[in-house]
Structure formats: C-alpha cells, structure tokens
Amino acid sequence: MTNREAEDDVQVRAAEIALLSPETRRDSARVRELLHEDFTEIGRSGRRWTRDEILDLLVNEDRSAAPQTDEWVFTELAAGVVLVTYRIVEGAEESRHSSIWETTSGVPRMRFHQGTRSD
C-alpha cells in the first residue's frame, strides 16, 4: 500500500463515519459535500435512492446515535476510487454495507452505496 492509498483510506473512513453520525446527517450542506452529484444508493429494502431523495430523508431522520460498525475493508479499485465494506449492528439487526468513493478531487465523495440485511 502506498502512502497515498493509506491517506485515501483514512479520509474515506472519516467521511463514511461522518455520514453515519446524526449530526452530519442533519446538516444538508455537509451531506452535499460528501455525496457525489451522481450519487445513487440501493437501500437495505432494495429501493433505489437518488442524491436528492437521500438528502431529504437524512435531514428528517430521527436518529440519536451512530450505529455500531466493524469489519472495515478498503480496496482501491482504480487510482482515486476506493471500495469500502463494513458491517452495521443496530440492536438485533445486522446489515452489510458497501460504498464507492472518489478521491481525485482531494475531498472524498461517495458515488454509490448499498446496504444489505444479514440473516
């Protein structure tokens, strides 16, 4: 792993964790900074979400704490493109998540996210 790859991993992890925090999720300007203009999400239910739909959802979300996360893995797919996978545990529910981040602008921006419920 190069120093640049390690730096990208640190920045992407911080950005992903920020998007999980209630404070960031309620700050639409901050979420706009972190989500790429062409962002798409496939939610745990299988529904496809656009950037604007996610922005509306997060601002009105009633979440008091960030979920517990573990099993983080970072994979460089190409120069400036990082795949992140991790697990979220919220009470008795467990889900697996993956995100694709672009880091070429100097600021990580999430391009795609998918959450899948675990059985």
PDB file of N, CA and C in Angstrom:
ATOM      1  N   MET A   1       0.858  -1.179   0.000  1.00  0.00           N
ATOM      2  CA  MET A   1       0.000   0.000   0.000  1.00  0.00           C
ATOM      3  C   MET A   1       0.900   1.237   0.000  1.00  0.00           C
ATOM      4  N   THR A   2       0.588   2.173  -0.887  1.00  0.00           N
ATOM      5  CA  THR A   2       1.357   3.409  -0.957  1.00  0.00           C
ATOM      6  C   THR A   2       0.859   4.384   0.107  1.00  0.00           C
ATOM      7  N   ASN A   3       1.651   5.428   0.340  1.00  0.00           N
ATOM      8  CA  ASN A   3       1.226   6.458   1.295  1.00  0.00           C
ATOM      9  C   ASN A   3      -0.068   7.128   0.841  1.00  0.00           C
ATOM     10  N   ARG A   4      -0.220   7.342  -0.477  1.00  0.00           N
ATOM     11  CA  ARG A   4      -1.434   7.963  -0.997  1.00  0.00           C
ATOM     12  C   ARG A   4      -2.636   7.071  -0.748  1.00  0.00           C
ATOM     13  N   GLU A   5      -2.497   5.771  -0.971  1.00  0.00           N
ATOM     14  CA  GLU A   5      -3.596   4.831  -0.722  1.00  0.00           C
ATOM     15  C   GLU A   5      -3.981   4.830   0.750  1.00  0.00           C
ATOM     16  N   ALA A   6      -2.984   4.842   1.621  1.00  0.00           N
ATOM     17  CA  ALA A   6      -3.255   4.865   3.060  1.00  0.00           C
ATOM     18  C   ALA A   6      -3.972   6.156   3.447  1.00  0.00           C
ATOM     19  N   GLU A   7      -3.543   7.273   2.878  1.00  0.00           N
ATOM     20  CA  GLU A   7      -4.184   8.565   3.146  1.00  0.00           C
ATOM     21  C   GLU A   7      -5.631   8.553   2.655  1.00  0.00           C
ATOM     22  N   ASP A   8      -5.859   8.002   1.457  1.00  0.00           N
ATOM     23  CA  ASP A   8      -7.224   7.889   0.933  1.00  0.00           C
ATOM     24  C   ASP A   8      -8.091   7.060   1.872  1.00  0.00           C
ATOM     25  N   ASP A   9      -7.565   5.932   2.384  1.00  0.00           N
ATOM     26  CA  ASP A   9      -8.320   5.075   3.298  1.00  0.00           C
ATOM     27  C   ASP A   9      -8.731   5.843   4.552  1.00  0.00           C
ATOM     28  N   VAL A  10      -7.803   6.622   5.109  1.00  0.00           N
ATOM     29  CA  VAL A  10      -8.084   7.393   6.326  1.00  0.00           C
ATOM     30  C   VAL A  10      -9.165   8.434   6.046  1.00  0.00           C
ATOM     31  N   GLN A  11      -9.039   9.150   4.930  1.00  0.00           N
ATOM     32  CA  GLN A  11     -10.022  10.187   4.596  1.00  0.00           C
ATOM     33  C   GLN A  11     -11.389   9.579   4.294  1.00  0.00           C
ATOM     34  N   VAL A  12     -11.407   8.482   3.557  1.00  0.00           N
ATOM     35  CA  VAL A  12     -12.669   7.834   3.205  1.00  0.00           C
ATOM     36  C   VAL A  12     -13.339   7.275   4.453  1.00  0.00           C
ATOM     37  N   ARG A  13     -12.580   6.652   5.329  1.00  0.00           N
ATOM     38  CA  ARG A  13     -13.184   6.115   6.567  1.00  0.00           C
ATOM     39  C   ARG A  13     -13.793   7.252   7.390  1.00  0.00           C
ATOM     40  N   ALA A  14     -13.085   8.366   7.517  1.00  0.00           N
ATOM     41  CA  ALA A  14     -13.609   9.513   8.270  1.00  0.00           C
ATOM     42  C   ALA A  14     -14.891  10.043   7.627  1.00  0.00           C
ATOM     43  N   ALA A  15     -14.924  10.098   6.300  1.00  0.00           N
ATOM     44  CA  ALA A  15     -16.113  10.592   5.593  1.00  0.00           C
ATOM     45  C   ALA A  15     -17.288   9.622   5.756  1.00  0.00           C
ATOM     46  N   GLU A  16     -17.014   8.320   5.650  1.00  0.00           N
ATOM     47  CA  GLU A  16     -18.083   7.317   5.807  1.00  0.00           C
ATOM     48  C   GLU A  16     -18.647   7.378   7.227  1.00  0.00           C
ATOM     49  N   ILE A  17     -17.777   7.457   8.217  1.00  0.00           N
ATOM     50  CA  ILE A  17     -18.223   7.549   9.610  1.00  0.00           C
ATOM     51  C   ILE A  17     -19.016   8.835   9.830  1.00  0.00           C
ATOM     52  N   ALA A  18     -18.578   9.921   9.205  1.00  0.00           N
ATOM     53  CA  ALA A  18     -19.318  11.181   9.323  1.00  0.00           C
ATOM     54  C   ALA A  18     -20.737  11.014   8.799  1.00  0.00           C
ATOM     55  N   LEU A  19     -20.887  10.308   7.673  1.00  0.00           N
ATOM     56  CA  LEU A  19     -22.226  10.111   7.115  1.00  0.00           C
ATOM     57  C   LEU A  19     -23.112   9.225   7.994  1.00  0.00           C
ATOM     58  N   LEU A  20     -22.530   8.488   8.884  1.00  0.00           N
ATOM     59  CA  LEU A  20     -23.307   7.662   9.816  1.00  0.00           C
ATOM     60  C   LEU A  20     -23.726   8.436  11.065  1.00  0.00           C
ATOM     61  N   SER A  21     -23.115   9.583  11.308  1.00  0.00           N
ATOM     62  CA  SER A  21     -23.395  10.331  12.535  1.00  0.00           C
ATOM     63  C   SER A  21     -24.649  11.192  12.382  1.00  0.00           C
ATOM     64  N   PRO A  22     -25.487  11.240  13.407  1.00  0.00           N
ATOM     65  CA  PRO A  22     -26.710  12.044  13.345  1.00  0.00           C
ATOM     66  C   PRO A  22     -26.430  13.524  13.069  1.00  0.00           C
ATOM     67  N   GLU A  23     -25.358  14.060  13.612  1.00  0.00           N
ATOM     68  CA  GLU A  23     -25.045  15.478  13.427  1.00  0.00           C
ATOM     69  C   GLU A  23     -24.798  15.791  11.954  1.00  0.00           C
ATOM     70  N   THR A  24     -24.012  14.952  11.293  1.00  0.00           N
ATOM     71  CA  THR A  24     -23.743  15.159   9.872  1.00  0.00           C
ATOM     72  C   THR A  24     -25.003  14.947   9.057  1.00  0.00           C
ATOM     73  N   ARG A  25     -25.755  13.929   9.357  1.00  0.00           N
ATOM     74  CA  ARG A  25     -26.950  13.586   8.574  1.00  0.00           C
ATOM     75  C   ARG A  25     -27.983  14.709   8.605  1.00  0.00           C
ATOM     76  N   ARG A  26     -28.031  15.472   9.689  1.00  0.00           N
ATOM     77  CA  ARG A  26     -28.969  16.599   9.785  1.00  0.00           C
ATOM     78  C   ARG A  26     -28.437  17.858   9.101  1.00  0.00           C
ATOM     79  N   ASP A  27     -27.172  17.860   8.707  1.00  0.00           N
ATOM     80  CA  ASP A  27     -26.530  19.022   8.078  1.00  0.00           C
ATOM     81  C   ASP A  27     -26.497  18.813   6.564  1.00  0.00           C
ATOM     82  N   SER A  28     -27.528  19.288   5.879  1.00  0.00           N
ATOM     83  CA  SER A  28     -27.645  19.017   4.443  1.00  0.00           C
ATOM     84  C   SER A  28     -26.461  19.564   3.647  1.00  0.00           C
ATOM     85  N   ALA A  29     -25.886  20.674   4.076  1.00  0.00           N
ATOM     86  CA  ALA A  29     -24.720  21.220   3.364  1.00  0.00           C
ATOM     87  C   ALA A  29     -23.533  20.263   3.465  1.00  0.00           C
ATOM     88  N   ARG A  30     -23.318  19.691   4.625  1.00  0.00           N
ATOM     89  CA  ARG A  30     -22.209  18.733   4.803  1.00  0.00           C
ATOM     90  C   ARG A  30     -22.466  17.460   4.007  1.00  0.00           C
ATOM     91  N   VAL A  31     -23.689  16.968   4.021  1.00  0.00           N
ATOM     92  CA  VAL A  31     -24.011  15.766   3.258  1.00  0.00           C
ATOM     93  C   VAL A  31     -23.805  16.032   1.766  1.00  0.00           C
ATOM     94  N   ARG A  32     -24.209  17.203   1.285  1.00  0.00           N
ATOM     95  CA  ARG A  32     -23.985  17.571  -0.121  1.00  0.00           C
ATOM     96  C   ARG A  32     -22.502  17.527  -0.484  1.00  0.00           C
ATOM     97  N   GLU A  33     -21.640  17.962   0.443  1.00  0.00           N
ATOM     98  CA  GLU A  33     -20.193  17.928   0.210  1.00  0.00           C
ATOM     99  C   GLU A  33     -19.693  16.496   0.061  1.00  0.00           C
ATOM    100  N   LEU A  34     -20.277  15.578   0.823  1.00  0.00           N
ATOM    101  CA  LEU A  34     -19.785  14.200   0.859  1.00  0.00           C
ATOM    102  C   LEU A  34     -20.376  13.307  -0.231  1.00  0.00           C
ATOM    103  N   LEU A  35     -21.546  13.665  -0.747  1.00  0.00           N
ATOM    104  CA  LEU A  35     -22.181  12.841  -1.783  1.00  0.00           C
ATOM    105  C   LEU A  35     -21.895  13.425  -3.164  1.00  0.00           C
ATOM    106  N   HIS A  36     -21.406  12.588  -4.046  1.00  0.00           N
ATOM    107  CA  HIS A  36     -21.151  12.974  -5.438  1.00  0.00           C
ATOM    108  C   HIS A  36     -22.464  13.411  -6.086  1.00  0.00           C
ATOM    109  N   GLU A  37     -22.385  14.306  -7.069  1.00  0.00           N
ATOM    110  CA  GLU A  37     -23.591  14.781  -7.751  1.00  0.00           C
ATOM    111  C   GLU A  37     -24.387  13.637  -8.373  1.00  0.00           C
ATOM    112  N   ASP A  38     -23.700  12.568  -8.793  1.00  0.00           N
ATOM    113  CA  ASP A  38     -24.357  11.419  -9.421  1.00  0.00           C
ATOM    114  C   ASP A  38     -24.554  10.260  -8.449  1.00  0.00           C
ATOM    115  N   PHE A  39     -24.580  10.554  -7.162  1.00  0.00           N
ATOM    116  CA  PHE A  39     -24.740   9.536  -6.128  1.00  0.00           C
ATOM    117  C   PHE A  39     -26.031   8.740  -6.323  1.00  0.00           C
ATOM    118  N   THR A  40     -25.933   7.436  -6.056  1.00  0.00           N
ATOM    119  CA  THR A  40     -27.076   6.526  -6.047  1.00  0.00           C
ATOM    120  C   THR A  40     -26.910   5.573  -4.869  1.00  0.00           C
ATOM    121  N   GLU A  41     -28.010   5.210  -4.251  1.00  0.00           N
ATOM    122  CA  GLU A  41     -27.977   4.216  -3.180  1.00  0.00           C
ATOM    123  C   GLU A  41     -29.016   3.146  -3.460  1.00  0.00           C
ATOM    124  N   ILE A  42     -28.636   1.912  -3.157  1.00  0.00           N
ATOM    125  CA  ILE A  42     -29.583   0.807  -3.109  1.00  0.00           C
ATOM    126  C   ILE A  42     -29.726   0.478  -1.625  1.00  0.00           C
ATOM    127  N   GLY A  43     -30.890   0.773  -1.063  1.00  0.00           N
ATOM    128  CA  GLY A  43     -31.113   0.602   0.365  1.00  0.00           C
ATOM    129  C   GLY A  43     -31.277  -0.845   0.770  1.00  0.00           C
ATOM    130  N   ARG A  44     -31.324  -1.082   2.077  1.00  0.00           N
ATOM    131  CA  ARG A  44     -31.483  -2.438   2.601  1.00  0.00           C
ATOM    132  C   ARG A  44     -32.768  -3.094   2.117  1.00  0.00           C
ATOM    133  N   SER A  45     -33.774  -2.279   1.780  1.00  0.00           N
ATOM    134  CA  SER A  45     -35.044  -2.826   1.288  1.00  0.00           C
ATOM    135  C   SER A  45     -34.987  -3.169  -0.197  1.00  0.00           C
ATOM    136  N   GLY A  46     -33.919  -2.726  -0.879  1.00  0.00           N
ATOM    137  CA  GLY A  46     -33.805  -2.931  -2.315  1.00  0.00           C
ATOM    138  C   GLY A  46     -34.231  -1.713  -3.119  1.00  0.00           C
ATOM    139  N   ARG A  47     -34.710  -0.683  -2.433  1.00  0.00           N
ATOM    140  CA  ARG A  47     -35.140   0.535  -3.114  1.00  0.00           C
ATOM    141  C   ARG A  47     -33.937   1.331  -3.597  1.00  0.00           C
ATOM    142  N   ARG A  48     -34.069   1.923  -4.790  1.00  0.00           N
ATOM    143  CA  ARG A  48     -33.042   2.795  -5.339  1.00  0.00           C
ATOM    144  C   ARG A  48     -33.343   4.227  -4.885  1.00  0.00           C
ATOM    145  N   TRP A  49     -32.309   4.923  -4.394  1.00  0.00           N
ATOM    146  CA  TRP A  49     -32.434   6.294  -3.911  1.00  0.00           C
ATOM    147  C   TRP A  49     -31.516   7.210  -4.723  1.00  0.00           C
ATOM    148  N   THR A  50     -32.008   8.387  -5.056  1.00  0.00           N
ATOM    149  CA  THR A  50     -31.171   9.403  -5.697  1.00  0.00           C
ATOM    150  C   THR A  50     -30.532  10.276  -4.616  1.00  0.00           C
ATOM    151  N   ARG A  51     -29.601  11.093  -5.016  1.00  0.00           N
ATOM    152  CA  ARG A  51     -28.946  12.016  -4.077  1.00  0.00           C
ATOM    153  C   ARG A  51     -29.973  12.923  -3.406  1.00  0.00           C
ATOM    154  N   ASP A  52     -30.868  13.517  -4.172  1.00  0.00           N
ATOM    155  CA  ASP A  52     -31.861  14.427  -3.601  1.00  0.00           C
ATOM    156  C   ASP A  52     -32.796  13.710  -2.637  1.00  0.00           C
ATOM    157  N   GLU A  53     -33.202  12.484  -2.966  1.00  0.00           N
ATOM    158  CA  GLU A  53     -34.072  11.724  -2.068  1.00  0.00           C
ATOM    159  C   GLU A  53     -33.362  11.417  -0.753  1.00  0.00           C
ATOM    160  N   ILE A  54     -32.094  11.056  -0.829  1.00  0.00           N
ATOM    161  CA  ILE A  54     -31.324  10.772   0.394  1.00  0.00           C
ATOM    162  C   ILE A  54     -31.157  12.033   1.230  1.00  0.00           C
ATOM    163  N   LEU A  55     -30.889  13.156   0.581  1.00  0.00           N
ATOM    164  CA  LEU A  55     -30.766  14.416   1.319  1.00  0.00           C
ATOM    165  C   LEU A  55     -32.050  14.727   2.083  1.00  0.00           C
ATOM    166  N   ASP A  56     -33.201  14.579   1.432  1.00  0.00           N
ATOM    167  CA  ASP A  56     -34.480  14.819   2.102  1.00  0.00           C
ATOM    168  C   ASP A  56     -34.703  13.849   3.254  1.00  0.00           C
ATOM    169  N   LEU A  57     -34.363  12.588   3.040  1.00  0.00           N
ATOM    170  CA  LEU A  57     -34.555  11.566   4.067  1.00  0.00           C
ATOM    171  C   LEU A  57     -33.679  11.836   5.296  1.00  0.00           C
ATOM    172  N   LEU A  58     -32.404  12.121   5.071  1.00  0.00           N
ATOM    173  CA  LEU A  58     -31.475  12.275   6.191  1.00  0.00           C
ATOM    174  C   LEU A  58     -31.777  13.490   7.048  1.00  0.00           C
ATOM    175  N   VAL A  59     -32.160  14.590   6.435  1.00  0.00           N
ATOM    176  CA  VAL A  59     -32.448  15.804   7.189  1.00  0.00           C
ATOM    177  C   VAL A  59     -33.600  15.590   8.161  1.00  0.00           C
ATOM    178  N   ASN A  60     -34.537  14.735   7.789  1.00  0.00           N
ATOM    179  CA  ASN A  60     -35.717  14.486   8.620  1.00  0.00           C
ATOM    180  C   ASN A  60     -35.626  13.213   9.453  1.00  0.00           C
ATOM    181  N   GLU A  61     -34.496  12.550   9.404  1.00  0.00           N
ATOM    182  CA  GLU A  61     -34.327  11.286  10.125  1.00  0.00           C
ATOM    183  C   GLU A  61     -34.286  11.515  11.630  1.00  0.00           C
ATOM    184  N   ASP A  62     -34.865  10.587  12.362  1.00  0.00           N
ATOM    185  CA  ASP A  62     -34.870  10.662  13.824  1.00  0.00           C
ATOM    186  C   ASP A  62     -33.907   9.615  14.365  1.00  0.00           C
ATOM    187  N   ARG A  63     -32.636   9.964  14.389  1.00  0.00           N
ATOM    188  CA  ARG A  63     -31.606   9.042  14.883  1.00  0.00           C
ATOM    189  C   ARG A  63     -30.805   9.790  15.946  1.00  0.00           C
ATOM    190  N   SER A  64     -30.624   9.183  17.111  1.00  0.00           N
ATOM    191  CA  SER A  64     -29.924   9.869  18.192  1.00  0.00           C
ATOM    192  C   SER A  64     -28.454   9.491  18.299  1.00  0.00           C
ATOM    193  N   ALA A  65     -28.065   8.356  17.712  1.00  0.00           N
ATOM    194  CA  ALA A  65     -26.673   7.919  17.813  1.00  0.00           C
ATOM    195  C   ALA A  65     -26.259   7.194  16.536  1.00  0.00           C
ATOM    196  N   ALA A  66     -24.977   7.232  16.253  1.00  0.00           N
ATOM    197  CA  ALA A  66     -24.446   6.498  15.103  1.00  0.00           C
ATOM    198  C   ALA A  66     -24.499   5.003  15.419  1.00  0.00           C
ATOM    199  N   PRO A  67     -24.704   4.181  14.411  1.00  0.00           N
ATOM    200  CA  PRO A  67     -24.742   2.739  14.652  1.00  0.00           C
ATOM    201  C   PRO A  67     -23.346   2.184  14.941  1.00  0.00           C
ATOM    202  N   GLN A  68     -23.309   1.019  15.526  1.00  0.00           N
ATOM    203  CA  GLN A  68     -22.051   0.320  15.779  1.00  0.00           C
ATOM    204  C   GLN A  68     -21.568  -0.272  14.454  1.00  0.00           C
ATOM    205  N   THR A  69     -20.295  -0.071  14.139  1.00  0.00           N
ATOM    206  CA  THR A  69     -19.727  -0.600  12.894  1.00  0.00           C
ATOM    207  C   THR A  69     -18.481  -1.421  13.190  1.00  0.00           C
ATOM    208  N   ASP A  70     -18.204  -2.385  12.312  1.00  0.00           N
ATOM    209  CA  ASP A  70     -16.959  -3.146  12.414  1.00  0.00           C
ATOM    210  C   ASP A  70     -16.682  -3.818  11.071  1.00  0.00           C
ATOM    211  N   GLU A  71     -15.648  -4.611  11.022  1.00  0.00           N
ATOM    212  CA  GLU A  71     -15.239  -5.382   9.844  1.00  0.00           C
ATOM    213  C   GLU A  71     -14.973  -4.504   8.619  1.00  0.00           C
ATOM    214  N   TRP A  72     -14.309  -3.371   8.839  1.00  0.00           N
ATOM    215  CA  TRP A  72     -13.997  -2.430   7.760  1.00  0.00           C
ATOM    216  C   TRP A  72     -12.933  -3.009   6.829  1.00  0.00           C
ATOM    217  N   VAL A  73     -13.188  -2.886   5.512  1.00  0.00           N
ATOM    218  CA  VAL A  73     -12.220  -3.297   4.493  1.00  0.00           C
ATOM    219  C   VAL A  73     -12.194  -2.205   3.421  1.00  0.00           C
ATOM    220  N   PHE A  74     -10.984  -1.808   3.025  1.00  0.00           N
ATOM    221  CA  PHE A  74     -10.797  -0.795   1.997  1.00  0.00           C
ATOM    222  C   PHE A  74     -10.050  -1.423   0.827  1.00  0.00           C
ATOM    223  N   THR A  75     -10.587  -1.235  -0.381  1.00  0.00           N
ATOM    224  CA  THR A  75      -9.966  -1.802  -1.573  1.00  0.00           C
ATOM    225  C   THR A  75      -9.882  -0.714  -2.632  1.00  0.00           C
ATOM    226  N   GLU A  76      -8.674  -0.439  -3.112  1.00  0.00           N
ATOM    227  CA  GLU A  76      -8.526   0.528  -4.193  1.00  0.00           C
ATOM    228  C   GLU A  76      -8.913  -0.168  -5.496  1.00  0.00           C
ATOM    229  N   LEU A  77      -9.962   0.340  -6.161  1.00  0.00           N
ATOM    230  CA  LEU A  77     -10.429  -0.244  -7.414  1.00  0.00           C
ATOM    231  C   LEU A  77      -9.667   0.317  -8.606  1.00  0.00           C
ATOM    232  N   ALA A  78      -9.282   1.571  -8.504  1.00  0.00           N
ATOM    233  CA  ALA A  78      -8.510   2.278  -9.526  1.00  0.00           C
ATOM    234  C   ALA A  78      -7.923   3.500  -8.840  1.00  0.00           C
ATOM    235  N   ALA A  79      -7.058   4.206  -9.520  1.00  0.00           N
ATOM    236  CA  ALA A  79      -6.478   5.411  -8.925  1.00  0.00           C
ATOM    237  C   ALA A  79      -7.609   6.374  -8.542  1.00  0.00           C
ATOM    238  N   GLY A  80      -7.702   6.714  -7.263  1.00  0.00           N
ATOM    239  CA  GLY A  80      -8.710   7.652  -6.803  1.00  0.00           C
ATOM    240  C   GLY A  80     -10.102   7.075  -6.620  1.00  0.00           C
ATOM    241  N   VAL A  81     -10.233   5.739  -6.634  1.00  0.00           N
ATOM    242  CA  VAL A  81     -11.536   5.092  -6.435  1.00  0.00           C
ATOM    243  C   VAL A  81     -11.378   4.000  -5.380  1.00  0.00           C
ATOM    244  N   VAL A  82     -12.109   4.141  -4.276  1.00  0.00           N
ATOM    245  CA  VAL A  82     -11.979   3.222  -3.147  1.00  0.00           C
ATOM    246  C   VAL A  82     -13.317   2.564  -2.849  1.00  0.00           C
ATOM    247  N   LEU A  83     -13.302   1.237  -2.728  1.00  0.00           N
ATOM    248  CA  LEU A  83     -14.461   0.466  -2.286  1.00  0.00           C
ATOM    249  C   LEU A  83     -14.311   0.241  -0.787  1.00  0.00           C
ATOM    250  N   VAL A  84     -15.364   0.533  -0.043  1.00  0.00           N
ATOM    251  CA  VAL A  84     -15.380   0.334   1.405  1.00  0.00           C
ATOM    252  C   VAL A  84     -16.492  -0.662   1.715  1.00  0.00           C
ATOM    253  N   THR A  85     -16.186  -1.654   2.535  1.00  0.00           N
ATOM    254  CA  THR A  85     -17.218  -2.562   3.025  1.00  0.00           C
ATOM    255  C   THR A  85     -17.116  -2.624   4.544  1.00  0.00           C
ATOM    256  N   TYR A  86     -18.265  -2.782   5.197  1.00  0.00           N
ATOM    257  CA  TYR A  86     -18.300  -2.873   6.655  1.00  0.00           C
ATOM    258  C   TYR A  86     -19.632  -3.442   7.087  1.00  0.00           C
ATOM    259  N   ARG A  87     -19.719  -3.730   8.376  1.00  0.00           N
ATOM    260  CA  ARG A  87     -20.935  -4.282   8.965  1.00  0.00           C
ATOM    261  C   ARG A  87     -21.503  -3.274   9.952  1.00  0.00           C
ATOM    262  N   ILE A  88     -22.830  -3.169   9.983  1.00  0.00           N
ATOM    263  CA  ILE A  88     -23.533  -2.342  10.974  1.00  0.00           C
ATOM    264  C   ILE A  88     -24.378  -3.267  11.832  1.00  0.00           C
ATOM    265  N   VAL A  89     -24.323  -3.034  13.148  1.00  0.00           N
ATOM    266  CA  VAL A  89     -25.170  -3.754  14.095  1.00  0.00           C
ATOM    267  C   VAL A  89     -25.993  -2.716  14.850  1.00  0.00           C
ATOM    268  N   GLU A  90     -27.323  -2.828  14.716  1.00  0.00           N
ATOM    269  CA  GLU A  90     -28.245  -1.941  15.430  1.00  0.00           C
ATOM    270  C   GLU A  90     -29.241  -2.819  16.164  1.00  0.00           C
ATOM    271  N   GLY A  91     -29.013  -2.974  17.461  1.00  0.00           N
ATOM    272  CA  GLY A  91     -29.865  -3.865  18.244  1.00  0.00           C
ATOM    273  C   GLY A  91     -29.700  -5.286  17.745  1.00  0.00           C
ATOM    274  N   ALA A  92     -30.819  -5.927  17.379  1.00  0.00           N
ATOM    275  CA  ALA A  92     -30.767  -7.302  16.886  1.00  0.00           C
ATOM    276  C   ALA A  92     -30.563  -7.370  15.374  1.00  0.00           C
ATOM    277  N   GLU A  93     -30.581  -6.198  14.692  1.00  0.00           N
ATOM    278  CA  GLU A  93     -30.414  -6.172  13.239  1.00  0.00           C
ATOM    279  C   GLU A  93     -28.960  -6.011  12.839  1.00  0.00           C
ATOM    280  N   GLU A  94     -28.590  -6.745  11.817  1.00  0.00           N
ATOM    281  CA  GLU A  94     -27.234  -6.668  11.268  1.00  0.00           C
ATOM    282  C   GLU A  94     -27.359  -6.454   9.763  1.00  0.00           C
ATOM    283  N   SER A  95     -26.508  -5.597   9.224  1.00  0.00           N
ATOM    284  CA  SER A  95     -26.513  -5.377   7.782  1.00  0.00           C
ATOM    285  C   SER A  95     -25.086  -5.167   7.292  1.00  0.00           C
ATOM    286  N   ARG A  96     -24.873  -5.492   6.036  1.00  0.00           N
ATOM    287  CA  ARG A  96     -23.586  -5.310   5.366  1.00  0.00           C
ATOM    288  C   ARG A  96     -23.722  -4.114   4.429  1.00  0.00           C
ATOM    289  N   HIS A  97     -22.667  -3.312   4.371  1.00  0.00           N
ATOM    290  CA  HIS A  97     -22.700  -2.099   3.563  1.00  0.00           C
ATOM    291  C   HIS A  97     -21.464  -2.009   2.692  1.00  0.00           C
ATOM    292  N   SER A  98     -21.656  -1.424   1.518  1.00  0.00           N
ATOM    293  CA  SER A  98     -20.529  -1.150   0.630  1.00  0.00           C
ATOM    294  C   SER A  98     -20.728   0.223   0.013  1.00  0.00           C
ATOM    295  N   SER A  99     -19.630   0.931  -0.160  1.00  0.00           N
ATOM    296  CA  SER A  99     -19.653   2.267  -0.744  1.00  0.00           C
ATOM    297  C   SER A  99     -18.492   2.395  -1.710  1.00  0.00           C
ATOM    298  N   ILE A 100     -18.720   3.165  -2.750  1.00  0.00           N
ATOM    299  CA  ILE A 100     -17.638   3.511  -3.668  1.00  0.00           C
ATOM    300  C   ILE A 100     -17.401   5.005  -3.536  1.00  0.00           C
ATOM    301  N   TRP A 101     -16.150   5.347  -3.263  1.00  0.00           N
ATOM    302  CA  TRP A 101     -15.742   6.731  -3.051  1.00  0.00           C
ATOM    303  C   TRP A 101     -14.756   7.168  -4.122  1.00  0.00           C
ATOM    304  N   GLU A 102     -14.925   8.393  -4.597  1.00  0.00           N
ATOM    305  CA  GLU A 102     -13.947   9.024  -5.481  1.00  0.00           C
ATOM    306  C   GLU A 102     -13.117   9.976  -4.640  1.00  0.00           C
ATOM    307  N   THR A 103     -11.806   9.912  -4.801  1.00  0.00           N
ATOM    308  CA  THR A 103     -10.913  10.747  -4.000  1.00  0.00           C
ATOM    309  C   THR A 103     -10.063  11.680  -4.857  1.00  0.00           C
ATOM    310  N   THR A 104     -10.338  11.752  -6.145  1.00  0.00           N
ATOM    311  CA  THR A 104      -9.480  12.518  -7.058  1.00  0.00           C
ATOM    312  C   THR A 104      -9.573  14.023  -6.856  1.00  0.00           C
ATOM    313  N   SER A 105     -10.659  14.525  -6.277  1.00  0.00           N
ATOM    314  CA  SER A 105     -10.809  15.968  -6.078  1.00  0.00           C
ATOM    315  C   SER A 105     -10.109  16.456  -4.818  1.00  0.00           C
ATOM    316  N   GLY A 106      -9.507  15.543  -4.059  1.00  0.00           N
ATOM    317  CA  GLY A 106      -8.875  15.920  -2.801  1.00  0.00           C
ATOM    318  C   GLY A 106      -9.809  15.766  -1.620  1.00  0.00           C
ATOM    319  N   VAL A 107     -11.108  15.751  -1.883  1.00  0.00           N
ATOM    320  CA  VAL A 107     -12.121  15.537  -0.852  1.00  0.00           C
ATOM    321  C   VAL A 107     -12.897  14.288  -1.250  1.00  0.00           C
ATOM    322  N   PRO A 108     -12.971  13.289  -0.379  1.00  0.00           N
ATOM    323  CA  PRO A 108     -13.715  12.074  -0.735  1.00  0.00           C
ATOM    324  C   PRO A 108     -15.187  12.390  -0.983  1.00  0.00           C
ATOM    325  N   ARG A 109     -15.721  11.809  -2.044  1.00  0.00           N
ATOM    326  CA  ARG A 109     -17.143  11.974  -2.364  1.00  0.00           C
ATOM    327  C   ARG A 109     -17.718  10.603  -2.686  1.00  0.00           C
ATOM    328  N   MET A 110     -18.790  10.246  -1.960  1.00  0.00           N
ATOM    329  CA  MET A 110     -19.415   8.947  -2.157  1.00  0.00           C
ATOM    330  C   MET A 110     -20.198   8.956  -3.466  1.00  0.00           C
ATOM    331  N   ARG A 111     -19.908   7.971  -4.302  1.00  0.00           N
ATOM    332  CA  ARG A 111     -20.566   7.853  -5.604  1.00  0.00           C
ATOM    333  C   ARG A 111     -21.711   6.837  -5.554  1.00  0.00           C
ATOM    334  N   PHE A 112     -21.552   5.776  -4.729  1.00  0.00           N
ATOM    335  CA  PHE A 112     -22.541   4.709  -4.659  1.00  0.00           C
ATOM    336  C   PHE A 112     -22.513   4.097  -3.269  1.00  0.00           C
ATOM    337  N   HIS A 113     -23.687   3.687  -2.797  1.00  0.00           N
ATOM    338  CA  HIS A 113     -23.786   2.984  -1.508  1.00  0.00           C
ATOM    339  C   HIS A 113     -24.856   1.911  -1.623  1.00  0.00           C
ATOM    340  N   GLN A 114     -24.588   0.757  -0.992  1.00  0.00           N
ATOM    341  CA  GLN A 114     -25.591  -0.300  -0.913  1.00  0.00           C
ATOM    342  C   GLN A 114     -25.561  -0.913   0.471  1.00  0.00           C
ATOM    343  N   GLY A 115     -26.745  -1.128   1.025  1.00  0.00           N
ATOM    344  CA  GLY A 115     -26.894  -1.817   2.294  1.00  0.00           C
ATOM    345  C   GLY A 115     -27.706  -3.087   2.076  1.00  0.00           C
ATOM    346  N   THR A 116     -27.302  -4.177   2.715  1.00  0.00           N
ATOM    347  CA  THR A 116     -27.991  -5.454   2.577  1.00  0.00           C
ATOM    348  C   THR A 116     -28.206  -6.040   3.963  1.00  0.00           C
ATOM    349  N   ARG A 117     -29.441  -6.401   4.266  1.00  0.00           N
ATOM    350  CA  ARG A 117     -29.729  -7.028   5.561  1.00  0.00           C
ATOM    351  C   ARG A 117     -29.051  -8.392   5.635  1.00  0.00           C
ATOM    352  N   SER A 118     -28.537  -8.703   6.809  1.00  0.00           N
ATOM    353  CA  SER A 118     -27.946 -10.018   7.055  1.00  0.00           C
ATOM    354  C   SER A 118     -28.965 -10.881   7.777  1.00  0.00           C
ATOM    355  N   ASP A 119     -28.956 -12.149   7.487  1.00  0.00           N
ATOM    356  CA  ASP A 119     -29.871 -13.067   8.184  1.00  0.00           C
ATOM    357  C   ASP A 119     -29.175 -13.750   9.324  1.00  0.00           C
TER     358      ASP A 119
END
